[in-house]
Amino acid sequence: MKTFGEEFKFQRNKAKLTQQELANLIKTSQQNISRWENNEVEPGISHCVALADCYKISLDELVGREVKK
């Protein structure tokens, strides 16, 4: 299973966004994106919701949790 940060980075790369572009979209700093991807800190729920909305995925998918069908 991917770490939280690995999944964040995977989703960002899949969307073909730089850290700065993503930061601008969800109104945070590039440094925050970097810290999240490096598992230094975890984003708050409001940023998680913004990220999931940006990527058009569920919160479960965002954090690497397998979605049961």
PDB file of N, CA and C in Angstrom:
ATOM      1  N   MET A   1       0.832  -1.176   0.000  1.00  0.00           N
ATOM      2  CA  MET A   1       0.000   0.000   0.000  1.00  0.00           C
ATOM      3  C   MET A   1       0.883   1.248   0.000  1.00  0.00           C
ATOM      4  N   LYS A   2       0.505   2.220  -0.800  1.00  0.00           N
ATOM      5  CA  LYS A   2       1.259   3.469  -0.876  1.00  0.00           C
ATOM      6  C   LYS A   2       1.083   4.270   0.404  1.00  0.00           C
ATOM      7  N   THR A   3       2.098   5.057   0.716  1.00  0.00           N
ATOM      8  CA  THR A   3       1.949   5.984   1.829  1.00  0.00           C
ATOM      9  C   THR A   3       1.024   7.119   1.393  1.00  0.00           C
ATOM     10  N   PHE A   4       0.569   7.866   2.345  1.00  0.00           N
ATOM     11  CA  PHE A   4      -0.276   9.022   2.094  1.00  0.00           C
ATOM     12  C   PHE A   4       0.395   9.954   1.079  1.00  0.00           C
ATOM     13  N   GLY A   5       1.641  10.280   1.325  1.00  0.00           N
ATOM     14  CA  GLY A   5       2.391  11.180   0.446  1.00  0.00           C
ATOM     15  C   GLY A   5       2.597  10.618  -0.944  1.00  0.00           C
ATOM     16  N   GLU A   6       2.863   9.331  -1.038  1.00  0.00           N
ATOM     17  CA  GLU A   6       3.034   8.704  -2.351  1.00  0.00           C
ATOM     18  C   GLU A   6       1.761   8.793  -3.176  1.00  0.00           C
ATOM     19  N   GLU A   7       0.628   8.588  -2.535  1.00  0.00           N
ATOM     20  CA  GLU A   7      -0.649   8.685  -3.246  1.00  0.00           C
ATOM     21  C   GLU A   7      -0.912  10.119  -3.679  1.00  0.00           C
ATOM     22  N   PHE A   8      -0.601  11.084  -2.817  1.00  0.00           N
ATOM     23  CA  PHE A   8      -0.764  12.486  -3.186  1.00  0.00           C
ATOM     24  C   PHE A   8       0.063  12.820  -4.420  1.00  0.00           C
ATOM     25  N   LYS A   9       1.321  12.390  -4.400  1.00  0.00           N
ATOM     26  CA  LYS A   9       2.207  12.682  -5.529  1.00  0.00           C
ATOM     27  C   LYS A   9       1.733  11.963  -6.787  1.00  0.00           C
ATOM     28  N   PHE A  10       1.306  10.721  -6.655  1.00  0.00           N
ATOM     29  CA  PHE A  10       0.787   9.959  -7.801  1.00  0.00           C
ATOM     30  C   PHE A  10      -0.385  10.704  -8.444  1.00  0.00           C
ATOM     31  N   GLN A  11      -1.315  11.156  -7.629  1.00  0.00           N
ATOM     32  CA  GLN A  11      -2.494  11.845  -8.158  1.00  0.00           C
ATOM     33  C   GLN A  11      -2.113  13.172  -8.816  1.00  0.00           C
ATOM     34  N   ARG A  12      -1.161  13.882  -8.234  1.00  0.00           N
ATOM     35  CA  ARG A  12      -0.718  15.145  -8.822  1.00  0.00           C
ATOM     36  C   ARG A  12      -0.050  14.911 -10.166  1.00  0.00           C
ATOM     37  N   ASN A  13       0.815  13.908 -10.228  1.00  0.00           N
ATOM     38  CA  ASN A  13       1.489  13.584 -11.489  1.00  0.00           C
ATOM     39  C   ASN A  13       0.492  13.103 -12.539  1.00  0.00           C
ATOM     40  N   LYS A  14      -0.476  12.322 -12.118  1.00  0.00           N
ATOM     41  CA  LYS A  14      -1.518  11.835 -13.022  1.00  0.00           C
ATOM     42  C   LYS A  14      -2.291  13.000 -13.642  1.00  0.00           C
ATOM     43  N   ALA A  15      -2.502  14.050 -12.845  1.00  0.00           N
ATOM     44  CA  ALA A  15      -3.202  15.242 -13.314  1.00  0.00           C
ATOM     45  C   ALA A  15      -2.273  16.181 -14.103  1.00  0.00           C
ATOM     46  N   LYS A  16      -0.995  15.822 -14.174  1.00  0.00           N
ATOM     47  CA  LYS A  16       0.014  16.612 -14.899  1.00  0.00           C
ATOM     48  C   LYS A  16       0.113  18.042 -14.373  1.00  0.00           C
ATOM     49  N   LEU A  17       0.201  18.137 -13.043  1.00  0.00           N
ATOM     50  CA  LEU A  17       0.325  19.428 -12.375  1.00  0.00           C
ATOM     51  C   LEU A  17       1.658  19.504 -11.648  1.00  0.00           C
ATOM     52  N   THR A  18       2.243  20.691 -11.633  1.00  0.00           N
ATOM     53  CA  THR A  18       3.412  20.905 -10.787  1.00  0.00           C
ATOM     54  C   THR A  18       2.911  21.149  -9.368  1.00  0.00           C
ATOM     55  N   GLN A  19       3.821  21.105  -8.415  1.00  0.00           N
ATOM     56  CA  GLN A  19       3.428  21.413  -7.045  1.00  0.00           C
ATOM     57  C   GLN A  19       2.873  22.828  -6.954  1.00  0.00           C
ATOM     58  N   GLN A  20       3.485  23.774  -7.659  1.00  0.00           N
ATOM     59  CA  GLN A  20       3.017  25.165  -7.610  1.00  0.00           C
ATOM     60  C   GLN A  20       1.640  25.306  -8.237  1.00  0.00           C
ATOM     61  N   GLU A  21       1.396  24.650  -9.361  1.00  0.00           N
ATOM     62  CA  GLU A  21       0.084  24.716 -10.004  1.00  0.00           C
ATOM     63  C   GLU A  21      -1.003  24.169  -9.083  1.00  0.00           C
ATOM     64  N   LEU A  22      -0.711  23.036  -8.443  1.00  0.00           N
ATOM     65  CA  LEU A  22      -1.674  22.457  -7.515  1.00  0.00           C
ATOM     66  C   LEU A  22      -1.907  23.380  -6.328  1.00  0.00           C
ATOM     67  N   ALA A  23      -0.838  23.924  -5.803  1.00  0.00           N
ATOM     68  CA  ALA A  23      -0.957  24.847  -4.670  1.00  0.00           C
ATOM     69  C   ALA A  23      -1.863  26.025  -5.024  1.00  0.00           C
ATOM     70  N   ASN A  24      -1.695  26.570  -6.211  1.00  0.00           N
ATOM     71  CA  ASN A  24      -2.533  27.685  -6.644  1.00  0.00           C
ATOM     72  C   ASN A  24      -3.997  27.267  -6.747  1.00  0.00           C
ATOM     73  N   LEU A  25      -4.244  26.070  -7.252  1.00  0.00           N
ATOM     74  CA  LEU A  25      -5.619  25.590  -7.420  1.00  0.00           C
ATOM     75  C   LEU A  25      -6.353  25.426  -6.095  1.00  0.00           C
ATOM     76  N   ILE A  26      -5.634  24.948  -5.071  1.00  0.00           N
ATOM     77  CA  ILE A  26      -6.310  24.679  -3.794  1.00  0.00           C
ATOM     78  C   ILE A  26      -5.981  25.718  -2.722  1.00  0.00           C
ATOM     79  N   LYS A  27      -5.348  26.798  -3.157  1.00  0.00           N
ATOM     80  CA  LYS A  27      -5.069  27.937  -2.271  1.00  0.00           C
ATOM     81  C   LYS A  27      -4.223  27.575  -1.046  1.00  0.00           C
ATOM     82  N   THR A  28      -3.066  27.017  -1.352  1.00  0.00           N
ATOM     83  CA  THR A  28      -2.084  26.735  -0.307  1.00  0.00           C
ATOM     84  C   THR A  28      -0.711  27.036  -0.888  1.00  0.00           C
ATOM     85  N   SER A  29       0.341  26.718  -0.171  1.00  0.00           N
ATOM     86  CA  SER A  29       1.694  26.987  -0.658  1.00  0.00           C
ATOM     87  C   SER A  29       2.308  25.741  -1.292  1.00  0.00           C
ATOM     88  N   GLN A  30       3.276  25.963  -2.139  1.00  0.00           N
ATOM     89  CA  GLN A  30       4.026  24.861  -2.743  1.00  0.00           C
ATOM     90  C   GLN A  30       4.752  24.082  -1.655  1.00  0.00           C
ATOM     91  N   GLN A  31       5.196  24.780  -0.622  1.00  0.00           N
ATOM     92  CA  GLN A  31       5.885  24.120   0.488  1.00  0.00           C
ATOM     93  C   GLN A  31       4.962  23.123   1.178  1.00  0.00           C
ATOM     94  N   ASN A  32       3.683  23.469   1.332  1.00  0.00           N
ATOM     95  CA  ASN A  32       2.740  22.528   1.936  1.00  0.00           C
ATOM     96  C   ASN A  32       2.599  21.282   1.071  1.00  0.00           C
ATOM     97  N   ILE A  33       2.477  21.465  -0.226  1.00  0.00           N
ATOM     98  CA  ILE A  33       2.361  20.317  -1.136  1.00  0.00           C
ATOM     99  C   ILE A  33       3.580  19.410  -0.977  1.00  0.00           C
ATOM    100  N   SER A  34       4.753  20.003  -0.950  1.00  0.00           N
ATOM    101  CA  SER A  34       5.995  19.238  -0.793  1.00  0.00           C
ATOM    102  C   SER A  34       6.008  18.470   0.527  1.00  0.00           C
ATOM    103  N   ARG A  35       5.619  19.118   1.614  1.00  0.00           N
ATOM    104  CA  ARG A  35       5.607  18.454   2.924  1.00  0.00           C
ATOM    105  C   ARG A  35       4.617  17.295   2.956  1.00  0.00           C
ATOM    106  N   TRP A  36       3.456  17.482   2.305  1.00  0.00           N
ATOM    107  CA  TRP A  36       2.466  16.396   2.249  1.00  0.00           C
ATOM    108  C   TRP A  36       3.021  15.215   1.479  1.00  0.00           C
ATOM    109  N   GLU A  37       3.629  15.491   0.332  1.00  0.00           N
ATOM    110  CA  GLU A  37       4.162  14.417  -0.512  1.00  0.00           C
ATOM    111  C   GLU A  37       5.334  13.696   0.133  1.00  0.00           C
ATOM    112  N   ASN A  38       6.059  14.383   0.993  1.00  0.00           N
ATOM    113  CA  ASN A  38       7.204  13.778   1.685  1.00  0.00           C
ATOM    114  C   ASN A  38       6.839  13.205   3.051  1.00  0.00           C
ATOM    115  N   ASN A  39       5.535  13.116   3.322  1.00  0.00           N
ATOM    116  CA  ASN A  39       5.034  12.553   4.581  1.00  0.00           C
ATOM    117  C   ASN A  39       5.561  13.266   5.813  1.00  0.00           C
ATOM    118  N   GLU A  40       5.865  14.564   5.681  1.00  0.00           N
ATOM    119  CA  GLU A  40       6.322  15.333   6.828  1.00  0.00           C
ATOM    120  C   GLU A  40       5.140  15.773   7.688  1.00  0.00           C
ATOM    121  N   VAL A  41       4.049  16.127   7.042  1.00  0.00           N
ATOM    122  CA  VAL A  41       2.806  16.500   7.718  1.00  0.00           C
ATOM    123  C   VAL A  41       1.648  16.022   6.855  1.00  0.00           C
ATOM    124  N   GLU A  42       0.471  15.964   7.441  1.00  0.00           N
ATOM    125  CA  GLU A  42      -0.728  15.592   6.680  1.00  0.00           C
ATOM    126  C   GLU A  42      -1.621  16.817   6.546  1.00  0.00           C
ATOM    127  N   PRO A  43      -2.268  16.950   5.398  1.00  0.00           N
ATOM    128  CA  PRO A  43      -3.150  18.103   5.208  1.00  0.00           C
ATOM    129  C   PRO A  43      -4.404  17.983   6.060  1.00  0.00           C
ATOM    130  N   GLY A  44      -5.005  19.127   6.342  1.00  0.00           N
ATOM    131  CA  GLY A  44      -6.276  19.140   7.044  1.00  0.00           C
ATOM    132  C   GLY A  44      -7.385  18.651   6.127  1.00  0.00           C
ATOM    133  N   ILE A  45      -8.532  18.379   6.710  1.00  0.00           N
ATOM    134  CA  ILE A  45      -9.647  17.828   5.951  1.00  0.00           C
ATOM    135  C   ILE A  45     -10.096  18.771   4.844  1.00  0.00           C
ATOM    136  N   SER A  46     -10.059  20.074   5.074  1.00  0.00           N
ATOM    137  CA  SER A  46     -10.504  20.999   4.026  1.00  0.00           C
ATOM    138  C   SER A  46      -9.601  20.931   2.805  1.00  0.00           C
ATOM    139  N   HIS A  47      -8.307  20.743   3.024  1.00  0.00           N
ATOM    140  CA  HIS A  47      -7.399  20.582   1.882  1.00  0.00           C
ATOM    141  C   HIS A  47      -7.598  19.217   1.212  1.00  0.00           C
ATOM    142  N   CYS A  48      -7.887  18.192   1.993  1.00  0.00           N
ATOM    143  CA  CYS A  48      -8.155  16.871   1.405  1.00  0.00           C
ATOM    144  C   CYS A  48      -9.384  16.925   0.502  1.00  0.00           C
ATOM    145  N   VAL A  49     -10.415  17.602   0.970  1.00  0.00           N
ATOM    146  CA  VAL A  49     -11.634  17.739   0.162  1.00  0.00           C
ATOM    147  C   VAL A  49     -11.313  18.503  -1.122  1.00  0.00           C
ATOM    148  N   ALA A  50     -10.543  19.584  -1.010  1.00  0.00           N
ATOM    149  CA  ALA A  50     -10.171  20.372  -2.188  1.00  0.00           C
ATOM    150  C   ALA A  50      -9.353  19.537  -3.170  1.00  0.00           C
ATOM    151  N   LEU A  51      -8.446  18.716  -2.654  1.00  0.00           N
ATOM    152  CA  LEU A  51      -7.632  17.858  -3.516  1.00  0.00           C
ATOM    153  C   LEU A  51      -8.492  16.811  -4.220  1.00  0.00           C
ATOM    154  N   ALA A  52      -9.367  16.164  -3.471  1.00  0.00           N
ATOM    155  CA  ALA A  52     -10.245  15.152  -4.070  1.00  0.00           C
ATOM    156  C   ALA A  52     -11.128  15.777  -5.146  1.00  0.00           C
ATOM    157  N   ASP A  53     -11.653  16.959  -4.870  1.00  0.00           N
ATOM    158  CA  ASP A  53     -12.469  17.662  -5.867  1.00  0.00           C
ATOM    159  C   ASP A  53     -11.637  18.007  -7.100  1.00  0.00           C
ATOM    160  N   CYS A  54     -10.448  18.464  -6.894  1.00  0.00           N
ATOM    161  CA  CYS A  54      -9.550  18.833  -7.992  1.00  0.00           C
ATOM    162  C   CYS A  54      -9.279  17.636  -8.902  1.00  0.00           C
ATOM    163  N   TYR A  55      -9.060  16.478  -8.301  1.00  0.00           N
ATOM    164  CA  TYR A  55      -8.743  15.264  -9.054  1.00  0.00           C
ATOM    165  C   TYR A  55      -9.986  14.484  -9.481  1.00  0.00           C
ATOM    166  N   LYS A  56     -11.156  14.919  -8.990  1.00  0.00           N
ATOM    167  CA  LYS A  56     -12.428  14.237  -9.279  1.00  0.00           C
ATOM    168  C   LYS A  56     -12.401  12.766  -8.824  1.00  0.00           C
ATOM    169  N   ILE A  57     -11.930  12.596  -7.586  1.00  0.00           N
ATOM    170  CA  ILE A  57     -11.885  11.271  -6.970  1.00  0.00           C
ATOM    171  C   ILE A  57     -12.482  11.376  -5.565  1.00  0.00           C
ATOM    172  N   SER A  58     -12.721  10.224  -4.944  1.00  0.00           N
ATOM    173  CA  SER A  58     -13.240  10.214  -3.575  1.00  0.00           C
ATOM    174  C   SER A  58     -12.103  10.449  -2.581  1.00  0.00           C
ATOM    175  N   LEU A  59     -12.480  10.780  -1.361  1.00  0.00           N
ATOM    176  CA  LEU A  59     -11.470  10.917  -0.311  1.00  0.00           C
ATOM    177  C   LEU A  59     -10.766   9.590  -0.061  1.00  0.00           C
ATOM    178  N   ASP A  60     -11.511   8.484  -0.159  1.00  0.00           N
ATOM    179  CA  ASP A  60     -10.886   7.160   0.004  1.00  0.00           C
ATOM    180  C   ASP A  60      -9.776   6.958  -1.014  1.00  0.00           C
ATOM    181  N   GLU A  61     -10.068   7.289  -2.266  1.00  0.00           N
ATOM    182  CA  GLU A  61      -9.052   7.138  -3.313  1.00  0.00           C
ATOM    183  C   GLU A  61      -7.869   8.061  -3.073  1.00  0.00           C
ATOM    184  N   LEU A  62      -8.145   9.264  -2.609  1.00  0.00           N
ATOM    185  CA  LEU A  62      -7.074  10.231  -2.356  1.00  0.00           C
ATOM    186  C   LEU A  62      -6.061   9.715  -1.351  1.00  0.00           C
ATOM    187  N   VAL A  63      -6.545   9.026  -0.328  1.00  0.00           N
ATOM    188  CA  VAL A  63      -5.627   8.550   0.709  1.00  0.00           C
ATOM    189  C   VAL A  63      -5.150   7.125   0.443  1.00  0.00           C
ATOM    190  N   GLY A  64      -5.445   6.608  -0.750  1.00  0.00           N
ATOM    191  CA  GLY A  64      -4.929   5.301  -1.132  1.00  0.00           C
ATOM    192  C   GLY A  64      -5.736   4.134  -0.607  1.00  0.00           C
ATOM    193  N   ARG A  65      -6.899   4.412  -0.088  1.00  0.00           N
ATOM    194  CA  ARG A  65      -7.758   3.334   0.433  1.00  0.00           C
ATOM    195  C   ARG A  65      -8.496   2.690  -0.723  1.00  0.00           C
ATOM    196  N   GLU A  66      -8.452   1.393  -0.765  1.00  0.00           N
ATOM    197  CA  GLU A  66      -9.106   0.676  -1.840  1.00  0.00           C
ATOM    198  C   GLU A  66     -10.625   0.789  -1.710  1.00  0.00           C
ATOM    199  N   VAL A  67     -11.254   1.183  -2.787  1.00  0.00           N
ATOM    200  CA  VAL A  67     -12.713   1.369  -2.791  1.00  0.00           C
ATOM    201  C   VAL A  67     -13.372   0.021  -3.052  1.00  0.00           C
ATOM    202  N   LYS A  68     -14.257  -0.390  -2.133  1.00  0.00           N
ATOM    203  CA  LYS A  68     -14.970  -1.650  -2.291  1.00  0.00           C
ATOM    204  C   LYS A  68     -16.203  -1.413  -3.144  1.00  0.00           C
ATOM    205  N   LYS A  69     -16.432  -2.313  -4.063  1.00  0.00           N
ATOM    206  CA  LYS A  69     -17.590  -2.160  -4.962  1.00  0.00           C
ATOM    207  C   LYS A  69     -18.661  -3.147  -4.651  1.00  0.00           C
TER     208      LYS A  69
END
